[in-house]
Amino acid sequence: MPSIVTLTELMNALKNHPELYFTDKEALEEAMKLAKILGFEGFVLDNFVRSSERQLLEAYQKFNIVSYVRIEIPTKSNRSKTWKLFYWVLNFEYIKYLNRNGHERKLESDEGSCYDILPEYVWNQ
């Protein structure tokens, strides 16, 4: 794996993600869940993941925290056949990016209200 992410960095990335709204405690709990599933290496073979853990990983895949990688390995007996291995992998670069820039980005998105984008005629009805 190209990099190492600490539990604190993973927690901060979840807390600073622009689409996730975790408190410190919730972010720590979620980071611990991910660390338990993915281990110290930051990746796990899909065959070793339980269904409930897979659902959690799929949810974080939508937010680019983890990704799903497929590797094909040709068999020794017949080169036309392959083994397909599926891995869940932490997105180290994006987690590092969120640790550097996530907090600033979240503050920028919170400056305006969601009601500011509504046209004026909506308020006159």
N, C-alpha and C. Protein backbone atom coordinates (compact mmCIF):
# COMPACT_ATOMS: atom_id res chain seq x y z
N MET A 1 0.83 -1.17 0.00
CA MET A 1 0.00 0.00 0.00
C MET A 1 0.88 1.24 0.00
N PRO A 2 0.43 2.29 -0.66
CA PRO A 2 1.28 3.46 -0.84
C PRO A 2 1.47 4.33 0.39
N SER A 3 0.60 4.22 1.38
CA SER A 3 0.67 5.18 2.48
C SER A 3 0.10 4.56 3.75
N ILE A 4 0.24 5.29 4.83
CA ILE A 4 -0.32 4.88 6.11
C ILE A 4 -1.23 6.00 6.60
N VAL A 5 -2.36 5.62 7.17
CA VAL A 5 -3.30 6.59 7.72
C VAL A 5 -3.52 6.21 9.18
N THR A 6 -3.38 7.16 10.06
CA THR A 6 -3.62 6.91 11.48
C THR A 6 -5.12 6.98 11.77
N LEU A 7 -5.50 6.48 12.92
CA LEU A 7 -6.90 6.52 13.32
C LEU A 7 -7.38 7.97 13.46
N THR A 8 -6.51 8.83 13.94
CA THR A 8 -6.85 10.25 14.08
C THR A 8 -7.07 10.89 12.71
N GLU A 9 -6.22 10.57 11.74
CA GLU A 9 -6.39 11.12 10.39
C GLU A 9 -7.69 10.63 9.77
N LEU A 10 -8.00 9.35 9.97
CA LEU A 10 -9.24 8.81 9.42
C LEU A 10 -10.45 9.47 10.09
N MET A 11 -10.37 9.68 11.39
CA MET A 11 -11.45 10.35 12.12
C MET A 11 -11.64 11.78 11.61
N ASN A 12 -10.54 12.51 11.44
CA ASN A 12 -10.63 13.88 10.94
C ASN A 12 -11.16 13.93 9.52
N ALA A 13 -10.78 12.96 8.70
CA ALA A 13 -11.28 12.92 7.32
C ALA A 13 -12.79 12.72 7.31
N LEU A 14 -13.29 11.83 8.15
CA LEU A 14 -14.74 11.62 8.22
C LEU A 14 -15.45 12.85 8.75
N LYS A 15 -14.83 13.51 9.73
CA LYS A 15 -15.43 14.71 10.33
C LYS A 15 -15.40 15.89 9.35
N ASN A 16 -14.35 15.98 8.53
CA ASN A 16 -14.20 17.11 7.62
C ASN A 16 -14.82 16.89 6.25
N HIS A 17 -15.32 15.70 5.98
CA HIS A 17 -15.89 15.42 4.66
C HIS A 17 -17.08 16.36 4.42
N PRO A 18 -17.14 16.98 3.24
CA PRO A 18 -18.19 17.98 2.99
C PRO A 18 -19.61 17.41 2.96
N GLU A 19 -19.76 16.10 2.76
CA GLU A 19 -21.11 15.52 2.69
C GLU A 19 -21.48 14.72 3.95
N LEU A 20 -20.53 14.53 4.84
CA LEU A 20 -20.80 13.80 6.08
C LEU A 20 -20.80 14.78 7.24
N TYR A 21 -21.70 14.61 8.15
CA TYR A 21 -21.80 15.51 9.29
C TYR A 21 -21.72 14.70 10.58
N PHE A 22 -20.49 14.41 10.99
CA PHE A 22 -20.25 13.65 12.21
C PHE A 22 -19.74 14.56 13.30
N THR A 23 -20.13 14.25 14.53
CA THR A 23 -19.51 14.89 15.68
C THR A 23 -18.16 14.19 15.90
N ASP A 24 -17.37 14.70 16.82
CA ASP A 24 -16.08 14.06 17.12
C ASP A 24 -16.27 12.62 17.56
N LYS A 25 -17.23 12.39 18.43
CA LYS A 25 -17.47 11.04 18.95
C LYS A 25 -17.92 10.09 17.84
N GLU A 26 -18.86 10.54 17.01
CA GLU A 26 -19.36 9.70 15.91
C GLU A 26 -18.26 9.40 14.91
N ALA A 27 -17.45 10.40 14.58
CA ALA A 27 -16.36 10.20 13.63
C ALA A 27 -15.35 9.20 14.17
N LEU A 28 -15.06 9.26 15.46
CA LEU A 28 -14.13 8.31 16.06
C LEU A 28 -14.71 6.90 16.02
N GLU A 29 -15.99 6.74 16.32
CA GLU A 29 -16.63 5.42 16.27
C GLU A 29 -16.59 4.84 14.86
N GLU A 30 -16.90 5.68 13.86
CA GLU A 30 -16.89 5.21 12.47
C GLU A 30 -15.46 4.88 12.01
N ALA A 31 -14.50 5.68 12.41
CA ALA A 31 -13.10 5.41 12.06
C ALA A 31 -12.64 4.11 12.68
N MET A 32 -13.08 3.83 13.90
CA MET A 32 -12.71 2.58 14.54
C MET A 32 -13.35 1.38 13.84
N LYS A 33 -14.58 1.55 13.36
CA LYS A 33 -15.24 0.48 12.60
C LYS A 33 -14.45 0.18 11.32
N LEU A 34 -14.09 1.25 10.60
CA LEU A 34 -13.32 1.06 9.36
C LEU A 34 -11.96 0.42 9.64
N ALA A 35 -11.29 0.86 10.70
CA ALA A 35 -9.99 0.30 11.04
C ALA A 35 -10.12 -1.17 11.42
N LYS A 36 -11.19 -1.52 12.08
CA LYS A 36 -11.41 -2.92 12.46
C LYS A 36 -11.61 -3.79 11.22
N ILE A 37 -12.35 -3.28 10.26
CA ILE A 37 -12.63 -4.06 9.04
C ILE A 37 -11.39 -4.15 8.15
N LEU A 38 -10.74 -3.00 7.91
CA LEU A 38 -9.64 -2.94 6.94
C LEU A 38 -8.27 -3.26 7.54
N GLY A 39 -8.17 -3.25 8.84
CA GLY A 39 -6.91 -3.61 9.48
C GLY A 39 -5.85 -2.54 9.33
N PHE A 40 -4.64 -2.88 9.78
CA PHE A 40 -3.52 -1.93 9.73
C PHE A 40 -3.07 -1.64 8.31
N GLU A 41 -3.29 -2.58 7.39
CA GLU A 41 -2.84 -2.41 6.02
C GLU A 41 -3.70 -1.45 5.23
N GLY A 42 -4.96 -1.30 5.62
CA GLY A 42 -5.86 -0.41 4.90
C GLY A 42 -6.55 -1.08 3.74
N PHE A 43 -6.51 -2.43 3.69
CA PHE A 43 -7.23 -3.14 2.65
C PHE A 43 -7.64 -4.51 3.19
N VAL A 44 -8.66 -5.10 2.59
CA VAL A 44 -9.12 -6.42 3.00
C VAL A 44 -9.71 -7.13 1.78
N LEU A 45 -9.51 -8.41 1.73
CA LEU A 45 -10.10 -9.25 0.68
C LEU A 45 -11.60 -9.33 0.92
N ASP A 46 -12.39 -9.16 -0.11
CA ASP A 46 -13.84 -9.10 0.02
C ASP A 46 -14.41 -10.39 0.61
N ASN A 47 -13.77 -11.52 0.38
CA ASN A 47 -14.27 -12.79 0.91
C ASN A 47 -14.28 -12.82 2.43
N PHE A 48 -13.46 -12.01 3.08
CA PHE A 48 -13.37 -12.00 4.54
C PHE A 48 -14.30 -10.99 5.20
N VAL A 49 -15.09 -10.29 4.40
CA VAL A 49 -15.97 -9.24 4.91
C VAL A 49 -17.38 -9.79 5.08
N ARG A 50 -17.96 -9.55 6.24
CA ARG A 50 -19.35 -9.96 6.48
C ARG A 50 -20.31 -9.02 5.75
N SER A 51 -21.54 -9.45 5.64
CA SER A 51 -22.54 -8.68 4.90
C SER A 51 -22.76 -7.29 5.51
N SER A 52 -22.85 -7.20 6.83
CA SER A 52 -23.07 -5.90 7.47
C SER A 52 -21.87 -4.98 7.27
N GLU A 53 -20.66 -5.55 7.29
CA GLU A 53 -19.46 -4.75 7.05
C GLU A 53 -19.39 -4.30 5.60
N ARG A 54 -19.83 -5.16 4.69
CA ARG A 54 -19.84 -4.80 3.26
C ARG A 54 -20.78 -3.63 3.01
N GLN A 55 -21.91 -3.60 3.70
CA GLN A 55 -22.85 -2.49 3.54
C GLN A 55 -22.22 -1.18 4.01
N LEU A 56 -21.47 -1.23 5.10
CA LEU A 56 -20.77 -0.05 5.59
C LEU A 56 -19.72 0.41 4.58
N LEU A 57 -18.96 -0.53 4.03
CA LEU A 57 -17.93 -0.18 3.04
C LEU A 57 -18.55 0.38 1.76
N GLU A 58 -19.68 -0.18 1.35
CA GLU A 58 -20.38 0.35 0.16
C GLU A 58 -20.85 1.78 0.39
N ALA A 59 -21.31 2.06 1.61
CA ALA A 59 -21.75 3.42 1.92
C ALA A 59 -20.57 4.39 1.85
N TYR A 60 -19.42 4.01 2.39
CA TYR A 60 -18.25 4.88 2.35
C TYR A 60 -17.63 4.95 0.97
N GLN A 61 -17.91 3.97 0.13
CA GLN A 61 -17.44 4.04 -1.26
C GLN A 61 -18.12 5.19 -1.99
N LYS A 62 -19.37 5.46 -1.67
CA LYS A 62 -20.09 6.56 -2.29
C LYS A 62 -19.47 7.91 -1.95
N PHE A 63 -18.80 7.99 -0.78
CA PHE A 63 -18.16 9.22 -0.35
C PHE A 63 -16.66 9.23 -0.63
N ASN A 64 -16.18 8.24 -1.38
CA ASN A 64 -14.79 8.17 -1.84
C ASN A 64 -13.79 7.91 -0.70
N ILE A 65 -14.26 7.40 0.44
CA ILE A 65 -13.36 7.07 1.55
C ILE A 65 -12.68 5.73 1.28
N VAL A 66 -13.42 4.77 0.74
CA VAL A 66 -12.85 3.48 0.35
C VAL A 66 -13.18 3.23 -1.12
N SER A 67 -12.43 2.33 -1.72
CA SER A 67 -12.73 1.93 -3.10
C SER A 67 -12.67 0.42 -3.22
N TYR A 68 -13.19 -0.08 -4.30
CA TYR A 68 -13.31 -1.50 -4.56
C TYR A 68 -12.39 -1.82 -5.73
N VAL A 69 -11.46 -2.75 -5.54
CA VAL A 69 -10.47 -3.06 -6.56
C VAL A 69 -10.61 -4.53 -6.96
N ARG A 70 -10.55 -4.78 -8.26
CA ARG A 70 -10.61 -6.14 -8.77
C ARG A 70 -9.28 -6.48 -9.41
N ILE A 71 -8.73 -7.64 -9.04
CA ILE A 71 -7.46 -8.10 -9.60
C ILE A 71 -7.69 -9.46 -10.23
N GLU A 72 -7.20 -9.64 -11.46
CA GLU A 72 -7.31 -10.93 -12.14
C GLU A 72 -5.95 -11.59 -12.18
N ILE A 73 -5.91 -12.86 -11.75
CA ILE A 73 -4.67 -13.62 -11.74
C ILE A 73 -4.87 -14.86 -12.60
N PRO A 74 -4.04 -15.03 -13.65
CA PRO A 74 -4.18 -16.23 -14.49
C PRO A 74 -3.81 -17.49 -13.71
N THR A 75 -4.55 -18.57 -13.94
CA THR A 75 -4.24 -19.84 -13.29
C THR A 75 -3.02 -20.47 -13.94
N LYS A 76 -2.31 -21.29 -13.18
CA LYS A 76 -1.10 -21.94 -13.72
C LYS A 76 -1.46 -23.05 -14.70
N SER A 77 -2.54 -23.76 -14.44
CA SER A 77 -2.91 -24.89 -15.29
C SER A 77 -3.47 -24.47 -16.64
N ASN A 78 -4.23 -23.40 -16.66
CA ASN A 78 -4.86 -22.96 -17.90
C ASN A 78 -4.80 -21.43 -17.94
N ARG A 79 -3.96 -20.90 -18.80
CA ARG A 79 -3.75 -19.44 -18.85
C ARG A 79 -4.98 -18.66 -19.31
N SER A 80 -5.93 -19.33 -19.94
CA SER A 80 -7.13 -18.62 -20.39
C SER A 80 -8.12 -18.39 -19.24
N LYS A 81 -7.96 -19.13 -18.14
CA LYS A 81 -8.82 -18.94 -16.98
C LYS A 81 -8.11 -18.06 -15.96
N THR A 82 -8.89 -17.29 -15.22
CA THR A 82 -8.30 -16.39 -14.23
C THR A 82 -9.06 -16.48 -12.91
N TRP A 83 -8.34 -16.21 -11.84
CA TRP A 83 -8.94 -16.00 -10.54
C TRP A 83 -9.23 -14.51 -10.42
N LYS A 84 -10.41 -14.19 -9.95
CA LYS A 84 -10.76 -12.78 -9.75
C LYS A 84 -10.82 -12.52 -8.26
N LEU A 85 -9.96 -11.62 -7.79
CA LEU A 85 -9.92 -11.24 -6.39
C LEU A 85 -10.45 -9.82 -6.24
N PHE A 86 -11.29 -9.63 -5.24
CA PHE A 86 -11.88 -8.32 -5.00
C PHE A 86 -11.41 -7.82 -3.63
N TYR A 87 -10.92 -6.58 -3.61
CA TYR A 87 -10.41 -5.97 -2.39
C TYR A 87 -11.13 -4.67 -2.09
N TRP A 88 -11.30 -4.38 -0.80
CA TRP A 88 -11.72 -3.07 -0.34
C TRP A 88 -10.46 -2.35 0.12
N VAL A 89 -10.26 -1.11 -0.34
CA VAL A 89 -9.03 -0.37 -0.06
C VAL A 89 -9.38 1.04 0.40
N LEU A 90 -8.67 1.51 1.44
CA LEU A 90 -8.82 2.90 1.86
C LEU A 90 -8.27 3.82 0.78
N ASN A 91 -8.93 4.92 0.54
CA ASN A 91 -8.45 5.91 -0.42
C ASN A 91 -7.52 6.87 0.33
N PHE A 92 -6.23 6.48 0.41
CA PHE A 92 -5.26 7.21 1.21
C PHE A 92 -5.11 8.66 0.77
N GLU A 93 -5.06 8.89 -0.53
CA GLU A 93 -4.84 10.25 -1.04
C GLU A 93 -5.99 11.18 -0.66
N TYR A 94 -7.22 10.68 -0.80
CA TYR A 94 -8.38 11.52 -0.48
C TYR A 94 -8.47 11.79 1.02
N ILE A 95 -8.12 10.80 1.83
CA ILE A 95 -8.12 10.98 3.28
C ILE A 95 -7.09 12.02 3.68
N LYS A 96 -5.90 11.96 3.08
CA LYS A 96 -4.87 12.96 3.36
C LYS A 96 -5.34 14.35 2.90
N TYR A 97 -6.00 14.39 1.74
CA TYR A 97 -6.53 15.66 1.22
C TYR A 97 -7.55 16.26 2.20
N LEU A 98 -8.46 15.43 2.70
CA LEU A 98 -9.47 15.92 3.64
C LEU A 98 -8.83 16.43 4.92
N ASN A 99 -7.73 15.80 5.33
CA ASN A 99 -7.04 16.27 6.53
C ASN A 99 -6.39 17.62 6.31
N ARG A 100 -5.90 17.87 5.10
CA ARG A 100 -5.27 19.16 4.79
C ARG A 100 -6.30 20.24 4.50
N ASN A 101 -7.31 19.92 3.68
CA ASN A 101 -8.19 20.95 3.13
C ASN A 101 -9.66 20.80 3.50
N GLY A 102 -10.04 19.72 4.12
CA GLY A 102 -11.46 19.45 4.36
C GLY A 102 -12.15 20.46 5.23
N HIS A 103 -11.49 20.90 6.28
CA HIS A 103 -12.11 21.84 7.21
C HIS A 103 -12.38 23.18 6.52
N GLU A 104 -11.43 23.65 5.74
CA GLU A 104 -11.62 24.91 5.01
C GLU A 104 -12.75 24.78 4.01
N ARG A 105 -12.82 23.65 3.33
CA ARG A 105 -13.84 23.43 2.32
C ARG A 105 -15.22 23.38 2.97
N LYS A 106 -15.32 22.75 4.12
CA LYS A 106 -16.60 22.67 4.81
C LYS A 106 -17.06 24.04 5.28
N LEU A 107 -16.14 24.86 5.74
CA LEU A 107 -16.50 26.21 6.16
C LEU A 107 -17.00 27.04 4.98
N GLU A 108 -16.36 26.89 3.82
CA GLU A 108 -16.80 27.63 2.64
C GLU A 108 -18.21 27.22 2.24
N SER A 109 -18.54 25.93 2.34
CA SER A 109 -19.87 25.49 1.94
C SER A 109 -20.94 25.91 2.94
N ASP A 110 -20.57 26.20 4.19
CA ASP A 110 -21.52 26.59 5.20
C ASP A 110 -21.80 28.09 5.23
N GLU A 111 -21.12 28.86 4.40
CA GLU A 111 -21.27 30.32 4.43
C GLU A 111 -22.68 30.75 4.07
N GLY A 112 -23.27 30.14 3.06
CA GLY A 112 -24.60 30.53 2.63
C GLY A 112 -25.64 29.56 3.13
N SER A 113 -26.87 29.97 3.01
CA SER A 113 -27.98 29.13 3.42
C SER A 113 -28.52 28.41 2.19
N CYS A 114 -29.14 27.27 2.40
CA CYS A 114 -29.73 26.55 1.27
C CYS A 114 -30.90 27.34 0.69
N TYR A 115 -31.47 28.24 1.48
CA TYR A 115 -32.58 29.05 1.01
C TYR A 115 -32.13 30.19 0.09
N ASP A 116 -30.86 30.51 0.11
CA ASP A 116 -30.34 31.59 -0.73
C ASP A 116 -30.45 31.29 -2.22
N ILE A 117 -30.46 30.00 -2.57
CA ILE A 117 -30.48 29.64 -4.00
C ILE A 117 -31.89 29.60 -4.57
N LEU A 118 -32.91 29.68 -3.71
CA LEU A 118 -34.29 29.64 -4.20
C LEU A 118 -34.64 30.95 -4.88
N PRO A 119 -35.34 30.87 -6.02
CA PRO A 119 -35.74 32.11 -6.71
C PRO A 119 -36.75 32.91 -5.89
N GLU A 120 -36.86 34.18 -6.20
CA GLU A 120 -37.70 35.11 -5.43
C GLU A 120 -39.18 34.73 -5.51
N TYR A 121 -39.63 34.18 -6.66
CA TYR A 121 -41.06 33.90 -6.81
C TYR A 121 -41.51 32.80 -5.82
N VAL A 122 -40.60 31.97 -5.35
CA VAL A 122 -40.97 30.94 -4.39
C VAL A 122 -41.44 31.56 -3.08
N TRP A 123 -40.80 32.64 -2.69
CA TRP A 123 -41.14 33.30 -1.44
C TRP A 123 -42.44 34.11 -1.54
N ASN A 124 -42.85 34.45 -2.75
CA ASN A 124 -44.05 35.27 -2.94
C ASN A 124 -45.32 34.46 -3.06
N GLN A 125 -45.22 33.16 -3.00
CA GLN A 125 -46.43 32.33 -3.18
C GLN A 125 -47.20 32.17 -1.90
